[in-house]
Amino acid sequence: MMIVMNLSKQKLLDLLKERVEKELDCSLKKEANNLVFGKGSSDAEIFFIGEAPGKEEDLQGIPFVGRSGKELDKQLRRIDLSLDEVYIANILKYRPPKNRNPTSKEIQKHTPYLIEQINIIKPKYLVTLGNYATKFVLSGFSQKGMSKIEGIASLHGRKAEVVYEEKTYFVFPIYHPAAMMYNGKVRGLFEKDFLILASLLSEK
């Protein structure tokens, strides 16, 4: 029997992606075009967590390639970062029909793989985009405390900390970029929060 040791982070992510494709038993998989696993640097210090793939993401199998992705890319460039320097994944790995909200059962089935991605990459910052990602992470990577966590309107732009498996992560909630497409007031908050994030990153 061959024992493989010292695998790179990228190889571990590739193996995890293969596992998700094979073993994730979810009704979303039957209706989706592609698994949307994640993208970016396996050595990223910043891990962005979104909610779920949209139409373009489902078609291409890559997170944040639609309008939301363009907005995110634009803000990253404003603070001298690129999509190649961060890592991005979603709470759900398959698109919900008509972009509906994730269900409790779907979150339960999908998030163990998200946690594995985080454990492999070992980022310093978890930047949560929108309510579901923020509530899940701040509740200690559990659904049990999600209902007790405030909404993104109260938490955005405020640095927090969460401890999971004896590791401390800095968490920085931000509105999901899709929100500004439906609410113009969110754009200013979204842009301001990225400047706050840049200031926090410069402290290192």
N, C-alpha and C. Protein backbone atom coordinates (compact mmCIF):
# COMPACT_ATOMS: atom_id res chain seq x y z
N MET A 1 0.85 -1.20 0.00
CA MET A 1 0.00 0.00 0.00
C MET A 1 0.89 1.25 0.00
N MET A 2 0.61 2.17 -0.90
CA MET A 2 1.39 3.40 -0.99
C MET A 2 0.80 4.45 -0.07
N ILE A 3 1.64 5.07 0.73
CA ILE A 3 1.21 6.13 1.64
C ILE A 3 1.72 7.46 1.09
N VAL A 4 0.83 8.38 0.81
CA VAL A 4 1.21 9.69 0.27
C VAL A 4 1.22 10.70 1.40
N MET A 5 2.37 11.35 1.56
CA MET A 5 2.50 12.32 2.65
C MET A 5 2.89 13.67 2.09
N ASN A 6 2.73 14.69 2.93
CA ASN A 6 3.16 16.04 2.57
C ASN A 6 2.53 16.55 1.27
N LEU A 7 1.25 16.31 1.12
CA LEU A 7 0.56 16.81 -0.06
C LEU A 7 0.44 18.33 0.04
N SER A 8 0.51 19.00 -1.10
CA SER A 8 0.35 20.45 -1.12
C SER A 8 -1.10 20.81 -0.80
N LYS A 9 -1.30 22.07 -0.40
CA LYS A 9 -2.66 22.53 -0.13
C LYS A 9 -3.54 22.40 -1.37
N GLN A 10 -2.97 22.73 -2.52
CA GLN A 10 -3.76 22.66 -3.75
C GLN A 10 -4.18 21.22 -4.05
N LYS A 11 -3.27 20.27 -3.82
CA LYS A 11 -3.60 18.87 -4.05
C LYS A 11 -4.69 18.41 -3.10
N LEU A 12 -4.61 18.85 -1.85
CA LEU A 12 -5.64 18.50 -0.88
C LEU A 12 -7.00 19.07 -1.29
N LEU A 13 -7.00 20.29 -1.83
CA LEU A 13 -8.24 20.89 -2.32
C LEU A 13 -8.79 20.11 -3.50
N ASP A 14 -7.89 19.69 -4.39
CA ASP A 14 -8.33 18.90 -5.56
C ASP A 14 -8.95 17.58 -5.13
N LEU A 15 -8.35 16.94 -4.14
CA LEU A 15 -8.88 15.67 -3.65
C LEU A 15 -10.23 15.89 -2.95
N LEU A 16 -10.35 17.00 -2.23
CA LEU A 16 -11.61 17.31 -1.58
C LEU A 16 -12.70 17.56 -2.61
N LYS A 17 -12.37 18.27 -3.68
CA LYS A 17 -13.34 18.52 -4.74
C LYS A 17 -13.85 17.21 -5.33
N GLU A 18 -12.94 16.27 -5.54
CA GLU A 18 -13.33 14.96 -6.07
C GLU A 18 -14.29 14.25 -5.11
N ARG A 19 -14.01 14.37 -3.82
CA ARG A 19 -14.89 13.77 -2.81
C ARG A 19 -16.28 14.37 -2.84
N VAL A 20 -16.33 15.70 -2.94
CA VAL A 20 -17.62 16.38 -2.97
C VAL A 20 -18.44 15.89 -4.16
N GLU A 21 -17.79 15.79 -5.31
CA GLU A 21 -18.48 15.34 -6.52
C GLU A 21 -19.04 13.94 -6.37
N LYS A 22 -18.33 13.09 -5.65
CA LYS A 22 -18.72 11.69 -5.51
C LYS A 22 -19.72 11.46 -4.39
N GLU A 23 -19.53 12.12 -3.25
CA GLU A 23 -20.28 11.71 -2.07
C GLU A 23 -21.36 12.67 -1.59
N LEU A 24 -21.38 13.91 -2.06
CA LEU A 24 -22.41 14.84 -1.61
C LEU A 24 -23.77 14.44 -2.17
N ASP A 25 -24.64 13.99 -1.30
CA ASP A 25 -25.97 13.55 -1.68
C ASP A 25 -26.95 14.67 -1.39
N CYS A 26 -27.34 15.38 -2.45
CA CYS A 26 -28.20 16.55 -2.27
C CYS A 26 -29.07 16.72 -3.51
N SER A 27 -30.33 17.08 -3.29
CA SER A 27 -31.25 17.25 -4.41
C SER A 27 -30.81 18.37 -5.36
N LEU A 28 -30.06 19.36 -4.84
CA LEU A 28 -29.60 20.46 -5.69
C LEU A 28 -28.70 19.95 -6.81
N LYS A 29 -27.97 18.90 -6.52
CA LYS A 29 -27.02 18.33 -7.49
C LYS A 29 -27.73 17.87 -8.76
N LYS A 30 -28.95 17.36 -8.60
CA LYS A 30 -29.69 16.82 -9.73
C LYS A 30 -30.13 17.92 -10.70
N GLU A 31 -30.37 19.11 -10.19
CA GLU A 31 -30.87 20.20 -11.03
C GLU A 31 -29.76 21.12 -11.52
N ALA A 32 -28.59 21.07 -10.88
CA ALA A 32 -27.51 21.98 -11.23
C ALA A 32 -26.73 21.48 -12.45
N ASN A 33 -26.07 22.41 -13.12
CA ASN A 33 -25.21 22.07 -14.24
C ASN A 33 -23.82 21.64 -13.78
N ASN A 34 -23.31 22.32 -12.75
CA ASN A 34 -21.95 22.06 -12.31
C ASN A 34 -21.81 22.23 -10.80
N LEU A 35 -20.84 21.51 -10.26
CA LEU A 35 -20.38 21.76 -8.91
C LEU A 35 -19.61 23.08 -8.92
N VAL A 36 -19.86 23.93 -7.93
CA VAL A 36 -19.12 25.19 -7.81
C VAL A 36 -18.33 25.10 -6.51
N PHE A 37 -17.08 24.67 -6.63
CA PHE A 37 -16.29 24.30 -5.46
C PHE A 37 -15.60 25.50 -4.81
N GLY A 38 -14.80 26.22 -5.56
CA GLY A 38 -14.06 27.35 -5.03
C GLY A 38 -13.01 27.79 -6.04
N LYS A 39 -12.40 28.93 -5.79
CA LYS A 39 -11.34 29.41 -6.68
C LYS A 39 -10.41 30.33 -5.91
N GLY A 40 -9.19 30.45 -6.41
CA GLY A 40 -8.24 31.37 -5.81
C GLY A 40 -6.98 30.67 -5.34
N SER A 41 -6.24 31.35 -4.49
CA SER A 41 -4.96 30.86 -4.01
C SER A 41 -5.13 29.91 -2.83
N SER A 42 -4.47 28.77 -2.89
CA SER A 42 -4.52 27.82 -1.78
C SER A 42 -3.73 28.33 -0.58
N ASP A 43 -2.93 29.37 -0.78
CA ASP A 43 -2.15 29.97 0.31
C ASP A 43 -2.73 31.31 0.77
N ALA A 44 -3.97 31.56 0.41
CA ALA A 44 -4.60 32.85 0.71
C ALA A 44 -4.70 33.11 2.21
N GLU A 45 -4.50 34.35 2.58
CA GLU A 45 -4.73 34.77 3.96
C GLU A 45 -6.17 35.25 4.15
N ILE A 46 -6.84 35.51 3.03
CA ILE A 46 -8.22 36.02 3.07
C ILE A 46 -9.13 35.03 2.34
N PHE A 47 -10.13 34.54 3.04
CA PHE A 47 -11.07 33.56 2.49
C PHE A 47 -12.45 34.21 2.47
N PHE A 48 -12.97 34.48 1.28
CA PHE A 48 -14.31 35.05 1.13
C PHE A 48 -15.34 33.92 1.09
N ILE A 49 -16.40 34.08 1.86
CA ILE A 49 -17.45 33.07 1.91
C ILE A 49 -18.77 33.70 1.48
N GLY A 50 -19.30 33.21 0.37
CA GLY A 50 -20.59 33.68 -0.13
C GLY A 50 -21.71 32.74 0.27
N GLU A 51 -22.85 32.94 -0.33
CA GLU A 51 -24.04 32.16 0.04
C GLU A 51 -24.22 30.93 -0.83
N ALA A 52 -24.34 31.15 -2.14
CA ALA A 52 -24.60 30.04 -3.05
C ALA A 52 -24.30 30.49 -4.48
N PRO A 53 -24.04 29.55 -5.37
CA PRO A 53 -23.79 29.91 -6.77
C PRO A 53 -25.02 30.51 -7.42
N GLY A 54 -24.79 31.42 -8.35
CA GLY A 54 -25.87 31.97 -9.17
C GLY A 54 -25.88 31.31 -10.54
N LYS A 55 -26.59 31.90 -11.48
CA LYS A 55 -26.76 31.31 -12.80
C LYS A 55 -25.43 31.15 -13.54
N GLU A 56 -24.64 32.22 -13.60
CA GLU A 56 -23.37 32.14 -14.32
C GLU A 56 -22.39 31.19 -13.64
N GLU A 57 -22.40 31.20 -12.31
CA GLU A 57 -21.52 30.31 -11.56
C GLU A 57 -21.87 28.85 -11.83
N ASP A 58 -23.17 28.58 -11.88
CA ASP A 58 -23.64 27.22 -12.15
C ASP A 58 -23.23 26.78 -13.55
N LEU A 59 -23.30 27.67 -14.51
CA LEU A 59 -22.95 27.32 -15.88
C LEU A 59 -21.45 27.08 -16.06
N GLN A 60 -20.64 27.86 -15.34
CA GLN A 60 -19.18 27.76 -15.51
C GLN A 60 -18.50 26.89 -14.46
N GLY A 61 -19.20 26.62 -13.36
CA GLY A 61 -18.60 25.83 -12.31
C GLY A 61 -17.56 26.58 -11.50
N ILE A 62 -17.65 27.91 -11.50
CA ILE A 62 -16.68 28.76 -10.82
C ILE A 62 -17.44 29.81 -10.01
N PRO A 63 -17.08 30.03 -8.73
CA PRO A 63 -17.81 31.02 -7.92
C PRO A 63 -17.49 32.45 -8.34
N PHE A 64 -18.48 33.30 -8.21
CA PHE A 64 -18.35 34.75 -8.41
C PHE A 64 -17.75 35.10 -9.78
N VAL A 65 -18.41 34.64 -10.82
CA VAL A 65 -18.02 35.02 -12.18
C VAL A 65 -19.09 35.87 -12.86
N GLY A 66 -20.23 36.04 -12.19
CA GLY A 66 -21.30 36.87 -12.73
C GLY A 66 -21.14 38.31 -12.30
N ARG A 67 -22.24 39.03 -12.23
CA ARG A 67 -22.21 40.45 -11.85
C ARG A 67 -21.64 40.66 -10.45
N SER A 68 -22.00 39.77 -9.53
CA SER A 68 -21.47 39.89 -8.16
C SER A 68 -19.95 39.74 -8.16
N GLY A 69 -19.46 38.82 -8.96
CA GLY A 69 -18.02 38.61 -9.05
C GLY A 69 -17.29 39.81 -9.60
N LYS A 70 -17.89 40.48 -10.56
CA LYS A 70 -17.27 41.67 -11.13
C LYS A 70 -17.19 42.80 -10.10
N GLU A 71 -18.25 42.93 -9.30
CA GLU A 71 -18.24 43.93 -8.24
C GLU A 71 -17.18 43.61 -7.18
N LEU A 72 -17.09 42.34 -6.84
CA LEU A 72 -16.10 41.92 -5.86
C LEU A 72 -14.69 42.16 -6.37
N ASP A 73 -14.46 41.81 -7.62
CA ASP A 73 -13.15 42.03 -8.24
C ASP A 73 -12.79 43.51 -8.26
N LYS A 74 -13.77 44.34 -8.55
CA LYS A 74 -13.56 45.78 -8.58
C LYS A 74 -13.11 46.31 -7.22
N GLN A 75 -13.76 45.85 -6.17
CA GLN A 75 -13.40 46.31 -4.83
C GLN A 75 -12.04 45.77 -4.38
N LEU A 76 -11.72 44.57 -4.79
CA LEU A 76 -10.41 44.02 -4.47
C LEU A 76 -9.30 44.84 -5.11
N ARG A 77 -9.52 45.23 -6.35
CA ARG A 77 -8.52 46.05 -7.04
C ARG A 77 -8.35 47.40 -6.35
N ARG A 78 -9.44 47.94 -5.80
CA ARG A 78 -9.36 49.23 -5.10
C ARG A 78 -8.44 49.16 -3.88
N ILE A 79 -8.30 47.98 -3.29
CA ILE A 79 -7.43 47.85 -2.13
C ILE A 79 -6.17 47.04 -2.48
N ASP A 80 -5.82 47.06 -3.75
CA ASP A 80 -4.59 46.44 -4.24
C ASP A 80 -4.52 44.94 -4.00
N LEU A 81 -5.64 44.26 -4.19
CA LEU A 81 -5.68 42.81 -4.15
C LEU A 81 -6.29 42.30 -5.45
N SER A 82 -6.06 41.04 -5.74
CA SER A 82 -6.66 40.43 -6.92
C SER A 82 -7.31 39.11 -6.52
N LEU A 83 -8.14 38.58 -7.41
CA LEU A 83 -8.80 37.31 -7.15
C LEU A 83 -7.79 36.18 -7.03
N ASP A 84 -6.58 36.37 -7.57
CA ASP A 84 -5.54 35.34 -7.49
C ASP A 84 -4.88 35.30 -6.12
N GLU A 85 -5.11 36.31 -5.30
CA GLU A 85 -4.46 36.38 -3.99
C GLU A 85 -5.39 35.97 -2.85
N VAL A 86 -6.66 35.79 -3.14
CA VAL A 86 -7.62 35.40 -2.12
C VAL A 86 -8.23 34.06 -2.51
N TYR A 87 -9.05 33.51 -1.63
CA TYR A 87 -9.80 32.30 -1.97
C TYR A 87 -11.27 32.58 -1.76
N ILE A 88 -12.10 32.02 -2.62
CA ILE A 88 -13.54 32.29 -2.57
C ILE A 88 -14.31 30.97 -2.69
N ALA A 89 -15.26 30.78 -1.81
CA ALA A 89 -16.15 29.63 -1.87
C ALA A 89 -17.51 30.04 -1.31
N ASN A 90 -18.47 29.15 -1.42
CA ASN A 90 -19.83 29.43 -0.96
C ASN A 90 -20.28 28.45 0.11
N ILE A 91 -21.31 28.86 0.84
CA ILE A 91 -21.96 27.96 1.79
C ILE A 91 -22.46 26.71 1.06
N LEU A 92 -23.13 26.91 -0.09
CA LEU A 92 -23.62 25.80 -0.90
C LEU A 92 -22.72 25.58 -2.10
N LYS A 93 -22.54 24.32 -2.48
CA LYS A 93 -21.69 23.98 -3.62
C LYS A 93 -22.47 23.81 -4.92
N TYR A 94 -23.80 23.80 -4.82
CA TYR A 94 -24.64 23.72 -6.01
C TYR A 94 -25.70 24.83 -5.94
N ARG A 95 -26.11 25.30 -7.09
CA ARG A 95 -27.06 26.41 -7.15
C ARG A 95 -28.47 25.99 -6.73
N PRO A 96 -29.09 26.74 -5.83
CA PRO A 96 -30.51 26.50 -5.52
C PRO A 96 -31.37 27.02 -6.67
N PRO A 97 -32.47 26.35 -6.99
CA PRO A 97 -33.34 26.80 -8.08
C PRO A 97 -33.79 28.25 -7.89
N LYS A 98 -33.69 29.02 -8.95
CA LYS A 98 -34.12 30.42 -8.95
C LYS A 98 -33.42 31.25 -7.87
N ASN A 99 -32.22 30.81 -7.48
CA ASN A 99 -31.40 31.54 -6.50
C ASN A 99 -32.11 31.73 -5.15
N ARG A 100 -32.96 30.79 -4.79
CA ARG A 100 -33.65 30.90 -3.50
C ARG A 100 -32.64 30.74 -2.36
N ASN A 101 -33.08 31.08 -1.14
CA ASN A 101 -32.23 30.96 0.03
C ASN A 101 -31.92 29.50 0.35
N PRO A 102 -30.76 29.24 0.95
CA PRO A 102 -30.44 27.86 1.36
C PRO A 102 -31.39 27.38 2.44
N THR A 103 -31.69 26.11 2.42
CA THR A 103 -32.49 25.52 3.49
C THR A 103 -31.56 25.02 4.59
N SER A 104 -32.13 24.77 5.75
CA SER A 104 -31.35 24.26 6.88
C SER A 104 -30.70 22.93 6.54
N LYS A 105 -31.42 22.07 5.86
CA LYS A 105 -30.89 20.76 5.49
C LYS A 105 -29.74 20.89 4.50
N GLU A 106 -29.86 21.82 3.57
CA GLU A 106 -28.79 22.03 2.59
C GLU A 106 -27.52 22.56 3.26
N ILE A 107 -27.70 23.50 4.17
CA ILE A 107 -26.55 24.04 4.90
C ILE A 107 -25.85 22.92 5.67
N GLN A 108 -26.64 22.06 6.28
CA GLN A 108 -26.09 20.95 7.06
C GLN A 108 -25.26 20.02 6.19
N LYS A 109 -25.72 19.77 4.98
CA LYS A 109 -25.02 18.83 4.09
C LYS A 109 -23.79 19.44 3.43
N HIS A 110 -23.83 20.72 3.12
CA HIS A 110 -22.77 21.34 2.34
C HIS A 110 -21.63 21.92 3.19
N THR A 111 -21.95 22.45 4.35
CA THR A 111 -20.92 23.19 5.10
C THR A 111 -19.75 22.36 5.64
N PRO A 112 -19.89 21.05 5.88
CA PRO A 112 -18.69 20.30 6.28
C PRO A 112 -17.56 20.42 5.26
N TYR A 113 -17.92 20.53 3.99
CA TYR A 113 -16.89 20.66 2.95
C TYR A 113 -16.28 22.06 2.95
N LEU A 114 -17.11 23.06 3.25
CA LEU A 114 -16.59 24.41 3.38
C LEU A 114 -15.59 24.47 4.54
N ILE A 115 -15.93 23.83 5.65
CA ILE A 115 -15.02 23.82 6.80
C ILE A 115 -13.71 23.13 6.44
N GLU A 116 -13.78 22.07 5.66
CA GLU A 116 -12.56 21.38 5.23
C GLU A 116 -11.70 22.30 4.35
N GLN A 117 -12.35 23.06 3.48
CA GLN A 117 -11.60 24.02 2.65
C GLN A 117 -10.85 25.02 3.53
N ILE A 118 -11.55 25.53 4.54
CA ILE A 118 -10.94 26.49 5.46
C ILE A 118 -9.77 25.85 6.22
N ASN A 119 -9.96 24.62 6.68
CA ASN A 119 -8.92 23.93 7.42
C ASN A 119 -7.68 23.66 6.57
N ILE A 120 -7.88 23.43 5.29
CA ILE A 120 -6.75 23.20 4.39
C ILE A 120 -5.98 24.50 4.14
N ILE A 121 -6.71 25.55 3.83
CA ILE A 121 -6.07 26.82 3.45
C ILE A 121 -5.49 27.55 4.66
N LYS A 122 -6.18 27.45 5.80
CA LYS A 122 -5.74 28.11 7.03
C LYS A 122 -5.57 29.63 6.83
N PRO A 123 -6.63 30.31 6.42
CA PRO A 123 -6.54 31.76 6.21
C PRO A 123 -6.48 32.51 7.54
N LYS A 124 -6.11 33.76 7.46
CA LYS A 124 -6.11 34.62 8.65
C LYS A 124 -7.48 35.27 8.80
N TYR A 125 -8.05 35.71 7.69
CA TYR A 125 -9.34 36.40 7.70
C TYR A 125 -10.40 35.60 6.96
N LEU A 126 -11.58 35.53 7.54
CA LEU A 126 -12.76 35.01 6.87
C LEU A 126 -13.67 36.20 6.61
N VAL A 127 -13.83 36.57 5.35
CA VAL A 127 -14.70 37.68 4.99
C VAL A 127 -16.03 37.09 4.53
N THR A 128 -17.04 37.27 5.36
CA THR A 128 -18.34 36.67 5.08
C THR A 128 -19.22 37.65 4.32
N LEU A 129 -19.83 37.17 3.25
CA LEU A 129 -20.64 38.01 2.37
C LEU A 129 -22.12 37.69 2.58
N GLY A 130 -22.81 38.58 3.27
CA GLY A 130 -24.25 38.41 3.45
C GLY A 130 -24.61 37.66 4.73
N ASN A 131 -25.89 37.49 4.94
CA ASN A 131 -26.42 36.96 6.19
C ASN A 131 -26.06 35.51 6.47
N TYR A 132 -26.26 34.64 5.51
CA TYR A 132 -26.09 33.21 5.79
C TYR A 132 -24.65 32.87 6.13
N ALA A 133 -23.71 33.38 5.36
CA ALA A 133 -22.30 33.10 5.64
C ALA A 133 -21.90 33.70 6.98
N THR A 134 -22.34 34.92 7.24
CA THR A 134 -21.98 35.60 8.49
C THR A 134 -22.54 34.87 9.70
N LYS A 135 -23.80 34.52 9.66
CA LYS A 135 -24.42 33.86 10.80
C LYS A 135 -23.83 32.47 11.04
N PHE A 136 -23.52 31.75 9.97
CA PHE A 136 -22.95 30.42 10.12
C PHE A 136 -21.57 30.48 10.77
N VAL A 137 -20.73 31.36 10.27
CA VAL A 137 -19.36 31.45 10.79
C VAL A 137 -19.35 31.98 12.23
N LEU A 138 -20.10 33.04 12.50
CA LEU A 138 -20.09 33.64 13.83
C LEU A 138 -20.78 32.79 14.89
N SER A 139 -21.56 31.82 14.46
CA SER A 139 -22.17 30.89 15.41
C SER A 139 -21.23 29.72 15.71
N GLY A 140 -19.98 29.85 15.27
CA GLY A 140 -19.01 28.79 15.52
C GLY A 140 -19.08 27.67 14.52
N PHE A 141 -19.37 28.03 13.26
CA PHE A 141 -19.49 27.05 12.17
C PHE A 141 -20.57 26.01 12.50
N SER A 142 -21.68 26.52 12.99
CA SER A 142 -22.79 25.65 13.36
C SER A 142 -24.11 26.35 13.06
N GLN A 143 -25.12 25.56 12.72
CA GLN A 143 -26.44 26.13 12.49
C GLN A 143 -27.17 26.43 13.79
N LYS A 144 -26.74 25.78 14.87
CA LYS A 144 -27.50 25.86 16.12
C LYS A 144 -27.62 27.28 16.65
N GLY A 145 -26.60 28.09 16.44
CA GLY A 145 -26.66 29.43 16.99
C GLY A 145 -26.96 30.51 15.98
N MET A 146 -27.28 30.12 14.75
CA MET A 146 -27.46 31.11 13.69
C MET A 146 -28.59 32.10 13.98
N SER A 147 -29.65 31.61 14.58
CA SER A 147 -30.82 32.47 14.83
C SER A 147 -30.52 33.54 15.88
N LYS A 148 -29.46 33.35 16.67
CA LYS A 148 -29.12 34.30 17.72
C LYS A 148 -28.17 35.40 17.23
N ILE A 149 -27.62 35.20 16.04
CA ILE A 149 -26.65 36.16 15.50
C ILE A 149 -27.39 37.30 14.81
N GLU A 150 -26.94 38.53 15.02
CA GLU A 150 -27.55 39.68 14.37
C GLU A 150 -27.40 39.59 12.85
N GLY A 151 -28.17 40.40 12.14
CA GLY A 151 -28.13 40.41 10.69
C GLY A 151 -26.96 41.22 10.16
N ILE A 152 -26.73 41.12 8.87
CA ILE A 152 -25.59 41.78 8.22
C ILE A 152 -25.70 43.30 8.34
N ALA A 153 -26.91 43.83 8.42
CA ALA A 153 -27.07 45.28 8.54
C ALA A 153 -26.44 45.81 9.82
N SER A 154 -26.40 44.98 10.85
CA SER A 154 -25.80 45.38 12.12
C SER A 154 -24.32 45.02 12.21
N LEU A 155 -23.92 43.95 11.54
CA LEU A 155 -22.58 43.40 11.73
C LEU A 155 -21.56 43.82 10.68
N HIS A 156 -22.02 44.33 9.55
CA HIS A 156 -21.08 44.62 8.47
C HIS A 156 -20.04 45.65 8.89
N GLY A 157 -18.82 45.44 8.42
CA GLY A 157 -17.75 46.39 8.69
C GLY A 157 -17.17 46.33 10.09
N ARG A 158 -17.55 45.29 10.85
CA ARG A 158 -17.06 45.16 12.22
C ARG A 158 -16.27 43.86 12.37
N LYS A 159 -15.02 43.99 12.73
CA LYS A 159 -14.17 42.82 12.91
C LYS A 159 -14.60 42.02 14.13
N ALA A 160 -14.60 40.70 13.98
CA ALA A 160 -14.93 39.81 15.09
C ALA A 160 -13.93 38.66 15.10
N GLU A 161 -14.05 37.80 16.09
CA GLU A 161 -13.20 36.62 16.16
C GLU A 161 -14.06 35.40 16.44
N VAL A 162 -13.64 34.26 15.88
CA VAL A 162 -14.32 33.01 16.18
C VAL A 162 -13.25 31.94 16.36
N VAL A 163 -13.45 31.09 17.35
CA VAL A 163 -12.50 30.01 17.62
C VAL A 163 -13.14 28.70 17.19
N TYR A 164 -12.41 27.96 16.37
CA TYR A 164 -12.91 26.66 15.91
C TYR A 164 -11.74 25.68 15.90
N GLU A 165 -11.94 24.57 16.60
CA GLU A 165 -10.89 23.54 16.72
C GLU A 165 -9.55 24.15 17.14
N GLU A 166 -9.64 24.99 18.16
CA GLU A 166 -8.47 25.61 18.79
C GLU A 166 -7.73 26.60 17.89
N LYS A 167 -8.34 26.96 16.79
CA LYS A 167 -7.75 27.98 15.93
C LYS A 167 -8.64 29.21 15.91
N THR A 168 -8.02 30.38 16.03
CA THR A 168 -8.77 31.64 16.03
C THR A 168 -8.76 32.26 14.64
N TYR A 169 -9.93 32.60 14.16
CA TYR A 169 -10.07 33.27 12.88
C TYR A 169 -10.61 34.68 13.12
N PHE A 170 -10.07 35.64 12.39
CA PHE A 170 -10.66 36.96 12.35
C PHE A 170 -11.78 36.92 11.31
N VAL A 171 -12.93 37.44 11.67
CA VAL A 171 -14.09 37.43 10.78
C VAL A 171 -14.47 38.88 10.47
N PHE A 172 -14.72 39.14 9.20
CA PHE A 172 -15.10 40.49 8.78
C PHE A 172 -16.32 40.40 7.88
N PRO A 173 -17.51 40.65 8.42
CA PRO A 173 -18.74 40.57 7.62
C PRO A 173 -18.90 41.78 6.69
N ILE A 174 -19.36 41.50 5.49
CA ILE A 174 -19.63 42.52 4.48
C ILE A 174 -20.95 42.15 3.78
N TYR A 175 -21.65 43.15 3.30
CA TYR A 175 -22.82 42.85 2.48
C TYR A 175 -22.42 42.00 1.28
N HIS A 176 -23.31 41.14 0.85
CA HIS A 176 -23.07 40.40 -0.39
C HIS A 176 -23.12 41.39 -1.55
N PRO A 177 -22.19 41.30 -2.51
CA PRO A 177 -22.19 42.27 -3.62
C PRO A 177 -23.50 42.30 -4.40
N ALA A 178 -24.25 41.21 -4.39
CA ALA A 178 -25.53 41.20 -5.09
C ALA A 178 -26.52 42.16 -4.46
N ALA A 179 -26.34 42.46 -3.17
CA ALA A 179 -27.29 43.32 -2.47
C ALA A 179 -27.33 44.72 -3.05
N MET A 180 -26.20 45.21 -3.53
CA MET A 180 -26.17 46.57 -4.05
C MET A 180 -26.91 46.69 -5.39
N MET A 181 -27.15 45.56 -6.02
CA MET A 181 -27.89 45.59 -7.29
C MET A 181 -29.38 45.83 -7.04
N TYR A 182 -29.81 45.54 -5.82
CA TYR A 182 -31.21 45.71 -5.48
C TYR A 182 -31.45 46.90 -4.55
N ASN A 183 -30.37 47.39 -3.96
CA ASN A 183 -30.47 48.50 -3.01
C ASN A 183 -29.26 49.41 -3.20
N GLY A 184 -29.48 50.53 -3.82
CA GLY A 184 -28.39 51.45 -4.13
C GLY A 184 -27.66 51.96 -2.91
N LYS A 185 -28.33 52.04 -1.76
CA LYS A 185 -27.70 52.54 -0.54
C LYS A 185 -26.59 51.60 -0.06
N VAL A 186 -26.69 50.33 -0.45
CA VAL A 186 -25.72 49.35 0.01
C VAL A 186 -24.35 49.57 -0.63
N ARG A 187 -24.32 50.13 -1.83
CA ARG A 187 -23.05 50.30 -2.54
C ARG A 187 -22.05 51.11 -1.71
N GLY A 188 -22.49 52.21 -1.15
CA GLY A 188 -21.60 53.03 -0.35
C GLY A 188 -21.07 52.29 0.86
N LEU A 189 -21.94 51.51 1.51
CA LEU A 189 -21.53 50.73 2.66
C LEU A 189 -20.54 49.64 2.26
N PHE A 190 -20.81 49.01 1.12
CA PHE A 190 -19.96 47.94 0.60
C PHE A 190 -18.55 48.48 0.32
N GLU A 191 -18.48 49.62 -0.35
CA GLU A 191 -17.19 50.22 -0.68
C GLU A 191 -16.45 50.67 0.58
N LYS A 192 -17.17 51.24 1.53
CA LYS A 192 -16.54 51.69 2.77
C LYS A 192 -15.98 50.51 3.56
N ASP A 193 -16.72 49.40 3.58
CA ASP A 193 -16.26 48.23 4.32
C ASP A 193 -14.97 47.67 3.74
N PHE A 194 -14.81 47.74 2.44
CA PHE A 194 -13.57 47.26 1.83
C PHE A 194 -12.39 48.14 2.24
N LEU A 195 -12.62 49.42 2.42
CA LEU A 195 -11.55 50.30 2.88
C LEU A 195 -11.18 49.97 4.33
N ILE A 196 -12.18 49.63 5.14
CA ILE A 196 -11.91 49.20 6.52
C ILE A 196 -11.11 47.91 6.50
N LEU A 197 -11.49 46.98 5.61
CA LEU A 197 -10.77 45.72 5.49
C LEU A 197 -9.31 45.98 5.11
N ALA A 198 -9.09 46.87 4.17
CA ALA A 198 -7.72 47.20 3.75
C ALA A 198 -6.91 47.73 4.93
N SER A 199 -7.54 48.54 5.76
CA SER A 199 -6.86 49.10 6.93
C SER A 199 -6.49 47.99 7.92
N LEU A 200 -7.40 47.05 8.12
CA LEU A 200 -7.12 45.93 9.02
C LEU A 200 -5.99 45.05 8.50
N LEU A 201 -5.99 44.82 7.20
CA LEU A 201 -4.94 43.99 6.60
C LEU A 201 -3.58 44.65 6.69
N SER A 202 -3.56 45.97 6.63
CA SER A 202 -2.29 46.69 6.69
C SER A 202 -1.66 46.63 8.07
N GLU A 203 -2.47 46.30 9.08
CA GLU A 203 -1.97 46.24 10.44
C GLU A 203 -1.03 45.06 10.66
N LYS A 204 -1.14 44.05 9.80
CA LYS A 204 -0.30 42.87 9.97
C LYS A 204 1.17 43.17 9.73
